[in-house]
Amino acid sequence: MEALFGHPILQSLLAGILSWISVSLGASAIFLRREFSRLAMDCMLGAAGGMMLGAAFLGLLQPAAEMASHMGRWHFIPIVCGLMAGAAFLMGLDHLLPHLHIRQKQQEGLSTSWRRSVLLVTAMALHHIPEGLTMGVGYGAVAAGSTLPSGVALEMSSAFMVTGTTLLQNLPEGLVVATALRAEGFSAKRSWLCGVFSGCTAPIGAILGAVASQVAGSLLPFALAAAAGAMIYVVIEEVIPEANASGNGNAATVACIGGLCLVMSFSSLVG
């Protein structure tokens, strides 16, 4: 049983399920009140963005650089290539998958007749793919890190840090999507169910990330950087613009820094 739960794919699946649960818990706050102030929502988005950036740099890019240290002055190559590949992957999905961001009226991706509510849920589901990949790559890297020429392996504490950060940031994200749907005229129950459904991609992404890490072997620095690139892309392309769209940019920025500080503190505690 211990060997079973020590398998990176199962660990990633469990982390992905916990991520899905955290989204559901955040969305369940819609039962408490019909709507929340725009300032509160923007601050929550800003805090989530700060936590995502912290997880990307402290939980992924830093260990990726350590794993590539055996390459000497050229150690930045797999990191840069991974960052670009991760961002390109999300950009490709962004252009193909029909979706609609909360503050937008024009849909993105391929043209479709999907309802606005479906497009909103799809946008958030797209958002949770890199989060799942990040957790999966983290647990996969813990198991496969010892195969690197440098002998540097990712510590389990880093994987836990990425998972814990993801769970925290998903609470406000679940509430944001549920609140947006409630404003569209949905009932509280239907808004919550849609919020729950938006998190279903996290376990899928987690499994894919773990499998990729197991297969990649010596390409782990690239895989970690790619996961970070995907997460950073989401923050820059979606989270920050939405947090600033209603004129609450200063408050959202302060919340973003607060989220980053929270991740740094959490990283020190579990490290």
C-alpha atoms as a PDB file:
ATOM      1  CA  MET A   1       0.000   0.000   0.000  1.00  0.00           C
ATOM      2  CA  GLU A   2       2.840   2.400   0.832  1.00  0.00           C
ATOM      3  CA  ALA A   3       4.474   1.657  -2.520  1.00  0.00           C
ATOM      4  CA  LEU A   4       1.170   2.313  -4.271  1.00  0.00           C
ATOM      5  CA  PHE A   5       0.665   5.734  -2.677  1.00  0.00           C
ATOM      6  CA  GLY A   6       4.326   6.499  -3.328  1.00  0.00           C
ATOM      7  CA  HIS A   7       3.804   6.228  -7.089  1.00  0.00           C
ATOM      8  CA  PRO A   8       4.065   9.684  -8.731  1.00  0.00           C
ATOM      9  CA  ILE A   9       1.068   9.171 -11.014  1.00  0.00           C
ATOM     10  CA  LEU A  10      -1.202   8.296  -8.084  1.00  0.00           C
ATOM     11  CA  GLN A  11       0.223  11.177  -6.056  1.00  0.00           C
ATOM     12  CA  SER A  12      -0.483  13.511  -8.968  1.00  0.00           C
ATOM     13  CA  LEU A  13      -4.023  12.166  -9.354  1.00  0.00           C
ATOM     14  CA  LEU A  14      -4.711  12.748  -5.649  1.00  0.00           C
ATOM     15  CA  ALA A  15      -3.283  16.269  -5.895  1.00  0.00           C
ATOM     16  CA  GLY A  16      -5.445  16.942  -8.944  1.00  0.00           C
ATOM     17  CA  ILE A  17      -8.554  15.701  -7.132  1.00  0.00           C
ATOM     18  CA  LEU A  18      -7.751  17.918  -4.141  1.00  0.00           C
ATOM     19  CA  SER A  19      -7.364  20.827  -6.547  1.00  0.00           C
ATOM     20  CA  TRP A  20     -10.789  20.042  -7.999  1.00  0.00           C
ATOM     21  CA  ILE A  21     -12.247  19.920  -4.487  1.00  0.00           C
ATOM     22  CA  SER A  22     -10.739  23.304  -3.619  1.00  0.00           C
ATOM     23  CA  VAL A  23     -12.359  24.839  -6.706  1.00  0.00           C
ATOM     24  CA  SER A  24     -15.680  23.310  -5.624  1.00  0.00           C
ATOM     25  CA  LEU A  25     -15.318  24.678  -2.097  1.00  0.00           C
ATOM     26  CA  GLY A  26     -14.574  28.140  -3.420  1.00  0.00           C
ATOM     27  CA  ALA A  27     -17.608  28.006  -5.708  1.00  0.00           C
ATOM     28  CA  SER A  28     -19.821  26.890  -2.813  1.00  0.00           C
ATOM     29  CA  ALA A  29     -19.500  30.380  -1.279  1.00  0.00           C
ATOM     30  CA  ILE A  30     -22.101  31.447  -3.840  1.00  0.00           C
ATOM     31  CA  PHE A  31     -24.718  29.916  -1.518  1.00  0.00           C
ATOM     32  CA  LEU A  32     -23.835  32.509   1.142  1.00  0.00           C
ATOM     33  CA  ARG A  33     -24.735  35.545  -0.940  1.00  0.00           C
ATOM     34  CA  ARG A  34     -25.765  36.338  -4.481  1.00  0.00           C
ATOM     35  CA  GLU A  35     -22.859  38.620  -5.344  1.00  0.00           C
ATOM     36  CA  PHE A  36     -19.604  39.959  -3.942  1.00  0.00           C
ATOM     37  CA  SER A  37     -18.067  43.391  -4.419  1.00  0.00           C
ATOM     38  CA  ARG A  38     -15.948  43.887  -7.515  1.00  0.00           C
ATOM     39  CA  LEU A  39     -13.098  45.121  -5.302  1.00  0.00           C
ATOM     40  CA  ALA A  40     -13.128  41.878  -3.309  1.00  0.00           C
ATOM     41  CA  MET A  41     -13.196  39.774  -6.480  1.00  0.00           C
ATOM     42  CA  ASP A  42     -10.306  41.702  -8.034  1.00  0.00           C
ATOM     43  CA  CYS A  43      -8.241  41.369  -4.858  1.00  0.00           C
ATOM     44  CA  MET A  44      -8.888  37.630  -4.807  1.00  0.00           C
ATOM     45  CA  LEU A  45      -7.808  37.368  -8.434  1.00  0.00           C
ATOM     46  CA  GLY A  46      -4.688  39.403  -7.675  1.00  0.00           C
ATOM     47  CA  ALA A  47      -3.815  37.184  -4.720  1.00  0.00           C
ATOM     48  CA  ALA A  48      -4.334  34.071  -6.850  1.00  0.00           C
ATOM     49  CA  GLY A  49      -2.021  35.515  -9.518  1.00  0.00           C
ATOM     50  CA  GLY A  50       0.673  36.234  -6.934  1.00  0.00           C
ATOM     51  CA  MET A  51       0.451  32.685  -5.601  1.00  0.00           C
ATOM     52  CA  MET A  52       0.700  31.266  -9.113  1.00  0.00           C
ATOM     53  CA  LEU A  53       3.817  33.317  -9.835  1.00  0.00           C
ATOM     54  CA  GLY A  54       5.376  32.232  -6.544  1.00  0.00           C
ATOM     55  CA  ALA A  55       4.709  28.565  -7.296  1.00  0.00           C
ATOM     56  CA  ALA A  56       6.130  28.944 -10.807  1.00  0.00           C
ATOM     57  CA  PHE A  57       9.396  30.524  -9.672  1.00  0.00           C
ATOM     58  CA  LEU A  58      10.018  28.849  -6.303  1.00  0.00           C
ATOM     59  CA  GLY A  59       8.502  25.444  -6.973  1.00  0.00           C
ATOM     60  CA  LEU A  60       9.453  24.953 -10.634  1.00  0.00           C
ATOM     61  CA  LEU A  61      12.049  27.306 -12.102  1.00  0.00           C
ATOM     62  CA  GLN A  62      14.412  27.255  -9.129  1.00  0.00           C
ATOM     63  CA  PRO A  63      14.675  23.433  -8.971  1.00  0.00           C
ATOM     64  CA  ALA A  64      14.832  23.321 -12.785  1.00  0.00           C
ATOM     65  CA  ALA A  65      17.894  25.570 -12.702  1.00  0.00           C
ATOM     66  CA  GLU A  66      19.485  23.377 -10.031  1.00  0.00           C
ATOM     67  CA  MET A  67      18.845  20.240 -12.091  1.00  0.00           C
ATOM     68  CA  ALA A  68      20.441  21.832 -15.158  1.00  0.00           C
ATOM     69  CA  SER A  69      23.462  23.095 -13.239  1.00  0.00           C
ATOM     70  CA  HIS A  70      25.682  20.332 -14.688  1.00  0.00           C
ATOM     71  CA  MET A  71      25.486  22.148 -18.056  1.00  0.00           C
ATOM     72  CA  GLY A  72      27.585  25.018 -16.699  1.00  0.00           C
ATOM     73  CA  ARG A  73      27.131  28.340 -18.430  1.00  0.00           C
ATOM     74  CA  TRP A  74      24.618  26.758 -20.838  1.00  0.00           C
ATOM     75  CA  HIS A  75      22.228  25.670 -18.099  1.00  0.00           C
ATOM     76  CA  PHE A  76      19.786  28.415 -19.095  1.00  0.00           C
ATOM     77  CA  ILE A  77      19.028  26.767 -22.472  1.00  0.00           C
ATOM     78  CA  PRO A  78      16.556  24.070 -21.290  1.00  0.00           C
ATOM     79  CA  ILE A  79      14.991  26.613 -18.916  1.00  0.00           C
ATOM     80  CA  VAL A  80      14.383  29.213 -21.620  1.00  0.00           C
ATOM     81  CA  CYS A  81      13.210  26.607 -24.131  1.00  0.00           C
ATOM     82  CA  GLY A  82      10.873  25.090 -21.543  1.00  0.00           C
ATOM     83  CA  LEU A  83       9.379  28.462 -20.645  1.00  0.00           C
ATOM     84  CA  MET A  84       8.713  29.224 -24.296  1.00  0.00           C
ATOM     85  CA  ALA A  85       7.271  25.758 -24.975  1.00  0.00           C
ATOM     86  CA  GLY A  86       4.898  25.929 -21.988  1.00  0.00           C
ATOM     87  CA  ALA A  87       3.645  29.366 -22.977  1.00  0.00           C
ATOM     88  CA  ALA A  88       3.290  28.284 -26.620  1.00  0.00           C
ATOM     89  CA  PHE A  89       1.255  25.234 -25.579  1.00  0.00           C
ATOM     90  CA  LEU A  90      -1.237  27.380 -23.637  1.00  0.00           C
ATOM     91  CA  MET A  91      -1.312  29.957 -26.414  1.00  0.00           C
ATOM     92  CA  GLY A  92      -2.189  27.215 -28.883  1.00  0.00           C
ATOM     93  CA  LEU A  93      -5.041  25.988 -26.665  1.00  0.00           C
ATOM     94  CA  ASP A  94      -6.151  29.591 -26.238  1.00  0.00           C
ATOM     95  CA  HIS A  95      -6.489  29.995 -29.993  1.00  0.00           C
ATOM     96  CA  LEU A  96      -8.182  26.638 -30.602  1.00  0.00           C
ATOM     97  CA  LEU A  97     -10.540  26.021 -27.672  1.00  0.00           C
ATOM     98  CA  PRO A  98     -13.666  28.219 -27.728  1.00  0.00           C
ATOM     99  CA  HIS A  99     -13.889  30.189 -24.462  1.00  0.00           C
ATOM    100  CA  LEU A 100     -14.825  33.539 -22.991  1.00  0.00           C
ATOM    101  CA  HIS A 101     -13.061  35.352 -20.178  1.00  0.00           C
ATOM    102  CA  ILE A 102     -15.206  36.835 -17.428  1.00  0.00           C
ATOM    103  CA  ARG A 103     -14.659  40.495 -18.308  1.00  0.00           C
ATOM    104  CA  GLN A 104     -14.871  40.031 -22.087  1.00  0.00           C
ATOM    105  CA  LYS A 105     -17.748  40.142 -24.564  1.00  0.00           C
ATOM    106  CA  GLN A 106     -15.832  38.715 -27.527  1.00  0.00           C
ATOM    107  CA  GLN A 107     -15.177  34.974 -27.438  1.00  0.00           C
ATOM    108  CA  GLU A 108     -11.726  33.564 -28.171  1.00  0.00           C
ATOM    109  CA  GLY A 109     -10.724  30.392 -29.981  1.00  0.00           C
ATOM    110  CA  LEU A 110     -12.518  28.749 -32.877  1.00  0.00           C
ATOM    111  CA  SER A 111     -15.939  30.118 -33.755  1.00  0.00           C
ATOM    112  CA  THR A 112     -18.804  28.250 -32.098  1.00  0.00           C
ATOM    113  CA  SER A 113     -22.468  28.571 -31.185  1.00  0.00           C
ATOM    114  CA  TRP A 114     -21.847  27.586 -27.547  1.00  0.00           C
ATOM    115  CA  ARG A 115     -23.768  29.586 -24.951  1.00  0.00           C
ATOM    116  CA  ARG A 116     -21.956  32.303 -23.003  1.00  0.00           C
ATOM    117  CA  SER A 117     -22.154  30.269 -19.787  1.00  0.00           C
ATOM    118  CA  VAL A 118     -20.445  27.298 -21.447  1.00  0.00           C
ATOM    119  CA  LEU A 119     -17.707  29.554 -22.807  1.00  0.00           C
ATOM    120  CA  LEU A 120     -17.104  31.035 -19.333  1.00  0.00           C
ATOM    121  CA  VAL A 121     -16.741  27.578 -17.777  1.00  0.00           C
ATOM    122  CA  THR A 122     -14.463  26.493 -20.635  1.00  0.00           C
ATOM    123  CA  ALA A 123     -12.188  29.480 -19.991  1.00  0.00           C
ATOM    124  CA  MET A 124     -11.747  28.502 -16.345  1.00  0.00           C
ATOM    125  CA  ALA A 125     -11.296  24.835 -17.255  1.00  0.00           C
ATOM    126  CA  LEU A 126      -8.522  25.927 -19.618  1.00  0.00           C
ATOM    127  CA  HIS A 127      -7.032  27.864 -16.713  1.00  0.00           C
ATOM    128  CA  HIS A 128      -6.791  24.730 -14.544  1.00  0.00           C
ATOM    129  CA  ILE A 129      -4.853  22.663 -17.113  1.00  0.00           C
ATOM    130  CA  PRO A 130      -1.446  24.272 -16.365  1.00  0.00           C
ATOM    131  CA  GLU A 131      -2.160  24.021 -12.636  1.00  0.00           C
ATOM    132  CA  GLY A 132      -2.666  20.277 -12.992  1.00  0.00           C
ATOM    133  CA  LEU A 133       0.406  19.957 -15.213  1.00  0.00           C
ATOM    134  CA  THR A 134       2.458  21.843 -12.642  1.00  0.00           C
ATOM    135  CA  MET A 135       1.500  19.485  -9.820  1.00  0.00           C
ATOM    136  CA  GLY A 136       1.985  16.393 -11.974  1.00  0.00           C
ATOM    137  CA  VAL A 137       5.398  17.473 -13.222  1.00  0.00           C
ATOM    138  CA  GLY A 138       6.384  18.213  -9.633  1.00  0.00           C
ATOM    139  CA  TYR A 139       5.595  14.733  -8.318  1.00  0.00           C
ATOM    140  CA  GLY A 140       7.004  13.085 -11.421  1.00  0.00           C
ATOM    141  CA  ALA A 141      10.221  15.054 -11.058  1.00  0.00           C
ATOM    142  CA  VAL A 142      10.625  13.882  -7.449  1.00  0.00           C
ATOM    143  CA  ALA A 143      10.621  10.268  -8.612  1.00  0.00           C
ATOM    144  CA  ALA A 144      12.700  10.749 -11.753  1.00  0.00           C
ATOM    145  CA  GLY A 145      15.126  13.465 -10.642  1.00  0.00           C
ATOM    146  CA  SER A 146      17.835  11.046  -9.529  1.00  0.00           C
ATOM    147  CA  THR A 147      18.351   9.956 -13.150  1.00  0.00           C
ATOM    148  CA  LEU A 148      19.799  13.331 -14.077  1.00  0.00           C
ATOM    149  CA  PRO A 149      23.539  13.575 -14.746  1.00  0.00           C
ATOM    150  CA  SER A 150      23.832  16.179 -12.002  1.00  0.00           C
ATOM    151  CA  GLY A 151      22.242  13.825  -9.453  1.00  0.00           C
ATOM    152  CA  VAL A 152      20.013  16.680  -8.256  1.00  0.00           C
ATOM    153  CA  ALA A 153      16.477  15.595  -7.423  1.00  0.00           C
ATOM    154  CA  LEU A 154      13.446  17.710  -6.693  1.00  0.00           C
ATOM    155  CA  GLU A 155      12.507  17.465  -3.021  1.00  0.00           C
ATOM    156  CA  MET A 156       9.010  16.330  -2.075  1.00  0.00           C
ATOM    157  CA  SER A 157       8.611  19.545  -0.080  1.00  0.00           C
ATOM    158  CA  SER A 158       8.708  21.511  -3.359  1.00  0.00           C
ATOM    159  CA  ALA A 159       5.952  19.328  -4.826  1.00  0.00           C
ATOM    160  CA  PHE A 160       3.910  19.830  -1.645  1.00  0.00           C
ATOM    161  CA  MET A 161       4.478  23.572  -1.874  1.00  0.00           C
ATOM    162  CA  VAL A 162       3.175  23.695  -5.446  1.00  0.00           C
ATOM    163  CA  THR A 163       0.155  21.593  -4.462  1.00  0.00           C
ATOM    164  CA  GLY A 164      -0.627  23.675  -1.378  1.00  0.00           C
ATOM    165  CA  THR A 165      -0.327  26.893  -3.360  1.00  0.00           C
ATOM    166  CA  THR A 166      -2.661  25.540  -6.033  1.00  0.00           C
ATOM    167  CA  LEU A 167      -5.261  24.572  -3.437  1.00  0.00           C
ATOM    168  CA  LEU A 168      -5.165  28.052  -1.903  1.00  0.00           C
ATOM    169  CA  GLN A 169      -5.435  29.920  -5.198  1.00  0.00           C
ATOM    170  CA  ASN A 170      -8.316  27.720  -6.416  1.00  0.00           C
ATOM    171  CA  LEU A 171     -10.585  28.863  -3.593  1.00  0.00           C
ATOM    172  CA  PRO A 172     -11.026  32.413  -4.949  1.00  0.00           C
ATOM    173  CA  GLU A 173     -10.983  31.168  -8.540  1.00  0.00           C
ATOM    174  CA  GLY A 174     -13.926  28.850  -7.886  1.00  0.00           C
ATOM    175  CA  LEU A 175     -15.848  31.725  -6.350  1.00  0.00           C
ATOM    176  CA  VAL A 176     -15.041  34.045  -9.258  1.00  0.00           C
ATOM    177  CA  VAL A 177     -16.513  31.716 -11.892  1.00  0.00           C
ATOM    178  CA  ALA A 178     -19.588  30.919  -9.770  1.00  0.00           C
ATOM    179  CA  THR A 179     -20.220  34.619  -9.143  1.00  0.00           C
ATOM    180  CA  ALA A 180     -19.884  35.422 -12.848  1.00  0.00           C
ATOM    181  CA  LEU A 181     -22.476  32.788 -13.726  1.00  0.00           C
ATOM    182  CA  ARG A 182     -24.800  33.977 -10.945  1.00  0.00           C
ATOM    183  CA  ALA A 183     -24.647  37.434 -12.495  1.00  0.00           C
ATOM    184  CA  GLU A 184     -25.703  35.851 -15.789  1.00  0.00           C
ATOM    185  CA  GLY A 185     -28.969  34.843 -14.142  1.00  0.00           C
ATOM    186  CA  PHE A 186     -28.106  31.280 -13.140  1.00  0.00           C
ATOM    187  CA  SER A 187     -29.449  29.843  -9.896  1.00  0.00           C
ATOM    188  CA  ALA A 188     -27.015  29.417  -7.010  1.00  0.00           C
ATOM    189  CA  LYS A 189     -27.067  25.639  -7.444  1.00  0.00           C
ATOM    190  CA  ARG A 190     -26.403  25.772 -11.183  1.00  0.00           C
ATOM    191  CA  SER A 191     -23.658  28.371 -10.732  1.00  0.00           C
ATOM    192  CA  TRP A 192     -22.004  26.121  -8.163  1.00  0.00           C
ATOM    193  CA  LEU A 193     -22.269  23.047 -10.391  1.00  0.00           C
ATOM    194  CA  CYS A 194     -20.672  24.937 -13.271  1.00  0.00           C
ATOM    195  CA  GLY A 195     -17.916  26.097 -10.922  1.00  0.00           C
ATOM    196  CA  VAL A 196     -17.354  22.494  -9.871  1.00  0.00           C
ATOM    197  CA  PHE A 197     -17.209  21.354 -13.488  1.00  0.00           C
ATOM    198  CA  SER A 198     -14.640  24.043 -14.344  1.00  0.00           C
ATOM    199  CA  GLY A 199     -12.096  22.305 -12.098  1.00  0.00           C
ATOM    200  CA  CYS A 200     -12.362  18.875 -13.739  1.00  0.00           C
ATOM    201  CA  THR A 201      -9.321  19.480 -15.933  1.00  0.00           C
ATOM    202  CA  ALA A 202      -6.937  19.663 -12.956  1.00  0.00           C
ATOM    203  CA  PRO A 203      -6.713  15.871 -12.359  1.00  0.00           C
ATOM    204  CA  ILE A 204      -6.328  15.279 -16.101  1.00  0.00           C
ATOM    205  CA  GLY A 205      -3.501  17.789 -16.355  1.00  0.00           C
ATOM    206  CA  ALA A 206      -1.861  16.341 -13.226  1.00  0.00           C
ATOM    207  CA  ILE A 207      -1.743  12.831 -14.691  1.00  0.00           C
ATOM    208  CA  LEU A 208      -0.381  14.116 -18.002  1.00  0.00           C
ATOM    209  CA  GLY A 209       2.302  16.077 -16.164  1.00  0.00           C
ATOM    210  CA  ALA A 210       3.394  13.075 -14.114  1.00  0.00           C
ATOM    211  CA  VAL A 211       3.555  10.821 -17.179  1.00  0.00           C
ATOM    212  CA  ALA A 212       5.557  13.437 -19.084  1.00  0.00           C
ATOM    213  CA  SER A 213       8.065  13.676 -16.228  1.00  0.00           C
ATOM    214  CA  GLN A 214       8.453   9.903 -16.088  1.00  0.00           C
ATOM    215  CA  VAL A 215       9.049   9.707 -19.831  1.00  0.00           C
ATOM    216  CA  ALA A 216      11.228  12.819 -20.058  1.00  0.00           C
ATOM    217  CA  GLY A 217      14.016  11.549 -17.790  1.00  0.00           C
ATOM    218  CA  SER A 218      16.986  13.791 -18.483  1.00  0.00           C
ATOM    219  CA  LEU A 219      14.632  16.471 -19.867  1.00  0.00           C
ATOM    220  CA  LEU A 220      13.197  17.215 -16.437  1.00  0.00           C
ATOM    221  CA  PRO A 221      14.603  20.785 -16.295  1.00  0.00           C
ATOM    222  CA  PHE A 222      12.792  21.452 -19.566  1.00  0.00           C
ATOM    223  CA  ALA A 223       9.556  19.863 -18.266  1.00  0.00           C
ATOM    224  CA  LEU A 224       9.613  21.883 -15.036  1.00  0.00           C
ATOM    225  CA  ALA A 225      10.270  25.107 -16.943  1.00  0.00           C
ATOM    226  CA  ALA A 226       7.478  24.280 -19.404  1.00  0.00           C
ATOM    227  CA  ALA A 227       5.001  23.860 -16.556  1.00  0.00           C
ATOM    228  CA  ALA A 228       6.160  27.202 -15.151  1.00  0.00           C
ATOM    229  CA  GLY A 229       5.810  28.844 -18.563  1.00  0.00           C
ATOM    230  CA  ALA A 230       2.223  27.626 -18.882  1.00  0.00           C
ATOM    231  CA  MET A 231       1.340  28.976 -15.451  1.00  0.00           C
ATOM    232  CA  ILE A 232       3.027  32.345 -16.036  1.00  0.00           C
ATOM    233  CA  TYR A 233       1.180  32.645 -19.346  1.00  0.00           C
ATOM    234  CA  VAL A 234      -2.163  32.242 -17.585  1.00  0.00           C
ATOM    235  CA  VAL A 235      -1.260  34.918 -15.026  1.00  0.00           C
ATOM    236  CA  ILE A 236      -0.156  37.470 -17.635  1.00  0.00           C
ATOM    237  CA  GLU A 237      -2.800  36.723 -20.253  1.00  0.00           C
ATOM    238  CA  GLU A 238      -5.825  36.219 -18.018  1.00  0.00           C
ATOM    239  CA  VAL A 239      -5.521  36.814 -14.278  1.00  0.00           C
ATOM    240  CA  ILE A 240      -3.812  40.216 -14.238  1.00  0.00           C
ATOM    241  CA  PRO A 241      -5.977  41.798 -16.984  1.00  0.00           C
ATOM    242  CA  GLU A 242      -9.176  40.619 -15.298  1.00  0.00           C
ATOM    243  CA  ALA A 243      -8.037  41.879 -11.894  1.00  0.00           C
ATOM    244  CA  ASN A 244      -7.348  45.326 -13.399  1.00  0.00           C
ATOM    245  CA  ALA A 245     -10.387  45.596 -15.653  1.00  0.00           C
ATOM    246  CA  SER A 246     -12.654  47.361 -13.130  1.00  0.00           C
ATOM    247  CA  GLY A 247     -10.306  50.104 -11.976  1.00  0.00           C
ATOM    248  CA  ASN A 248      -9.059  48.255  -8.896  1.00  0.00           C
ATOM    249  CA  GLY A 249      -5.554  47.796 -10.219  1.00  0.00           C
ATOM    250  CA  ASN A 250      -3.728  49.178  -7.174  1.00  0.00           C
ATOM    251  CA  ALA A 251      -5.629  46.995  -4.721  1.00  0.00           C
ATOM    252  CA  ALA A 252      -5.211  43.940  -6.977  1.00  0.00           C
ATOM    253  CA  THR A 253      -1.464  44.602  -7.207  1.00  0.00           C
ATOM    254  CA  VAL A 254      -1.140  44.792  -3.423  1.00  0.00           C
ATOM    255  CA  ALA A 255      -3.101  41.535  -3.167  1.00  0.00           C
ATOM    256  CA  CYS A 256      -0.821  39.981  -5.797  1.00  0.00           C
ATOM    257  CA  ILE A 257       2.264  40.880  -3.748  1.00  0.00           C
ATOM    258  CA  GLY A 258       0.521  39.519  -0.671  1.00  0.00           C
ATOM    259  CA  GLY A 259      -0.140  36.232  -2.460  1.00  0.00           C
ATOM    260  CA  LEU A 260       3.505  36.039  -3.494  1.00  0.00           C
ATOM    261  CA  CYS A 261       4.627  36.682   0.090  1.00  0.00           C
ATOM    262  CA  LEU A 262       2.267  33.951   1.289  1.00  0.00           C
ATOM    263  CA  VAL A 263       3.862  31.439  -1.090  1.00  0.00           C
ATOM    264  CA  MET A 264       7.352  32.469  -0.014  1.00  0.00           C
ATOM    265  CA  SER A 265       6.390  31.971   3.629  1.00  0.00           C
ATOM    266  CA  PHE A 266       4.756  28.626   2.866  1.00  0.00           C
ATOM    267  CA  SER A 267       7.846  27.546   0.907  1.00  0.00           C
ATOM    268  CA  SER A 268      10.079  28.322   3.885  1.00  0.00           C
ATOM    269  CA  LEU A 269       7.838  26.385   6.264  1.00  0.00           C
ATOM    270  CA  VAL A 270       7.713  23.198   4.164  1.00  0.00           C
ATOM    271  CA  GLY A 271      11.275  23.450   2.905  1.00  0.00           C
END
